[in-house]
Amino acid sequence: MNKLFDAADRYIRASDWKTIAVLKFCLISLGLMAGMLIRPEHKKAVFPCALGVFFVTYVPLMAKFFRVFAEMREQEK
């Protein structure tokens, strides 16, 4: 499993923002397809879980982005 994580780290380091954007489109498409498979009677239960995962992952990602952006602006001064 560590080799898999090491390979993923190397892949990310070798990628630029465009590659990451394509990866995100791929993952959102996969999520949409998975969402289409959920039965209508279960969708109300799945939505709060998905929303929770979104916020638990989005907030730290954006916090890191703004921290990196602030550091970049600080270095420009």
Protein backbone atom coordinates (compact mmCIF):
# COMPACT_ATOMS: atom_id res chain seq x y z
CA MET A 1 0.00 0.00 0.00
CA ASN A 2 2.90 2.36 0.74
CA LYS A 3 4.18 1.89 -2.82
CA LEU A 4 0.79 2.94 -4.13
CA PHE A 5 0.81 6.09 -1.98
CA ASP A 6 4.40 6.84 -3.01
CA ALA A 7 3.43 6.51 -6.66
CA ALA A 8 0.45 8.84 -6.11
CA ASP A 9 2.73 11.41 -4.45
CA ARG A 10 5.15 11.26 -7.37
CA TYR A 11 2.27 11.61 -9.84
CA ILE A 12 0.99 14.72 -8.10
CA ARG A 13 4.46 16.28 -7.93
CA ALA A 14 4.91 15.60 -11.66
CA SER A 15 1.53 17.15 -12.52
CA ASP A 16 0.56 20.74 -13.16
CA TRP A 17 -2.76 22.43 -12.44
CA LYS A 18 -4.19 21.36 -15.81
CA THR A 19 -3.59 17.68 -15.07
CA ILE A 20 -5.19 18.06 -11.65
CA ALA A 21 -8.18 19.83 -13.25
CA VAL A 22 -8.67 16.93 -15.68
CA LEU A 23 -8.42 14.52 -12.75
CA LYS A 24 -11.12 16.47 -10.92
CA PHE A 25 -13.42 16.39 -13.96
CA CYS A 26 -12.86 12.64 -14.16
CA LEU A 27 -13.77 12.20 -10.50
CA ILE A 28 -16.83 14.43 -10.68
CA SER A 29 -18.05 12.43 -13.69
CA LEU A 30 -17.56 9.23 -11.71
CA GLY A 31 -19.51 10.77 -8.81
CA LEU A 32 -22.33 11.80 -11.11
CA MET A 33 -22.56 8.32 -12.59
CA ALA A 34 -22.57 6.77 -9.12
CA GLY A 35 -25.25 9.25 -8.04
CA MET A 36 -27.43 8.25 -10.95
CA LEU A 37 -27.38 4.66 -9.69
CA ILE A 38 -28.84 5.59 -6.30
CA ARG A 39 -32.50 4.72 -6.03
CA PRO A 40 -34.80 7.74 -5.65
CA GLU A 41 -35.98 6.63 -2.21
CA HIS A 42 -32.39 6.62 -0.92
CA LYS A 43 -31.26 9.95 -2.40
CA LYS A 44 -32.46 11.99 0.58
CA ALA A 45 -30.27 9.90 2.89
CA VAL A 46 -27.21 10.04 0.63
CA PHE A 47 -27.24 13.82 0.11
CA PRO A 48 -26.36 14.81 3.71
CA CYS A 49 -23.50 12.30 3.71
CA ALA A 50 -22.15 13.62 0.43
CA LEU A 51 -22.51 17.20 1.64
CA GLY A 52 -20.63 16.35 4.83
CA VAL A 53 -17.79 14.72 2.89
CA PHE A 54 -17.67 17.74 0.59
CA PHE A 55 -17.24 20.21 3.45
CA VAL A 56 -14.81 18.01 5.38
CA THR A 57 -12.58 17.83 2.29
CA TYR A 58 -13.20 21.24 0.69
CA VAL A 59 -12.47 23.41 3.72
CA PRO A 60 -8.95 22.03 4.33
CA LEU A 61 -8.16 22.14 0.61
CA MET A 62 -9.18 25.79 0.34
CA ALA A 63 -7.39 26.65 3.58
CA LYS A 64 -4.19 25.20 2.13
CA PHE A 65 -4.72 27.02 -1.17
CA PHE A 66 -5.18 30.39 0.53
CA ARG A 67 -2.16 29.74 2.76
CA VAL A 68 -0.02 28.98 -0.32
CA PHE A 69 -1.44 32.03 -2.10
CA ALA A 70 -0.65 34.27 0.87
CA GLU A 71 2.91 32.91 1.02
CA MET A 72 3.32 33.55 -2.69
CA ARG A 73 2.12 37.16 -2.31
CA GLU A 74 4.43 37.62 0.67
CA GLN A 75 7.42 36.43 -1.37
CA GLU A 76 6.57 38.92 -4.14
CA LYS A 77 6.97 41.85 -1.76
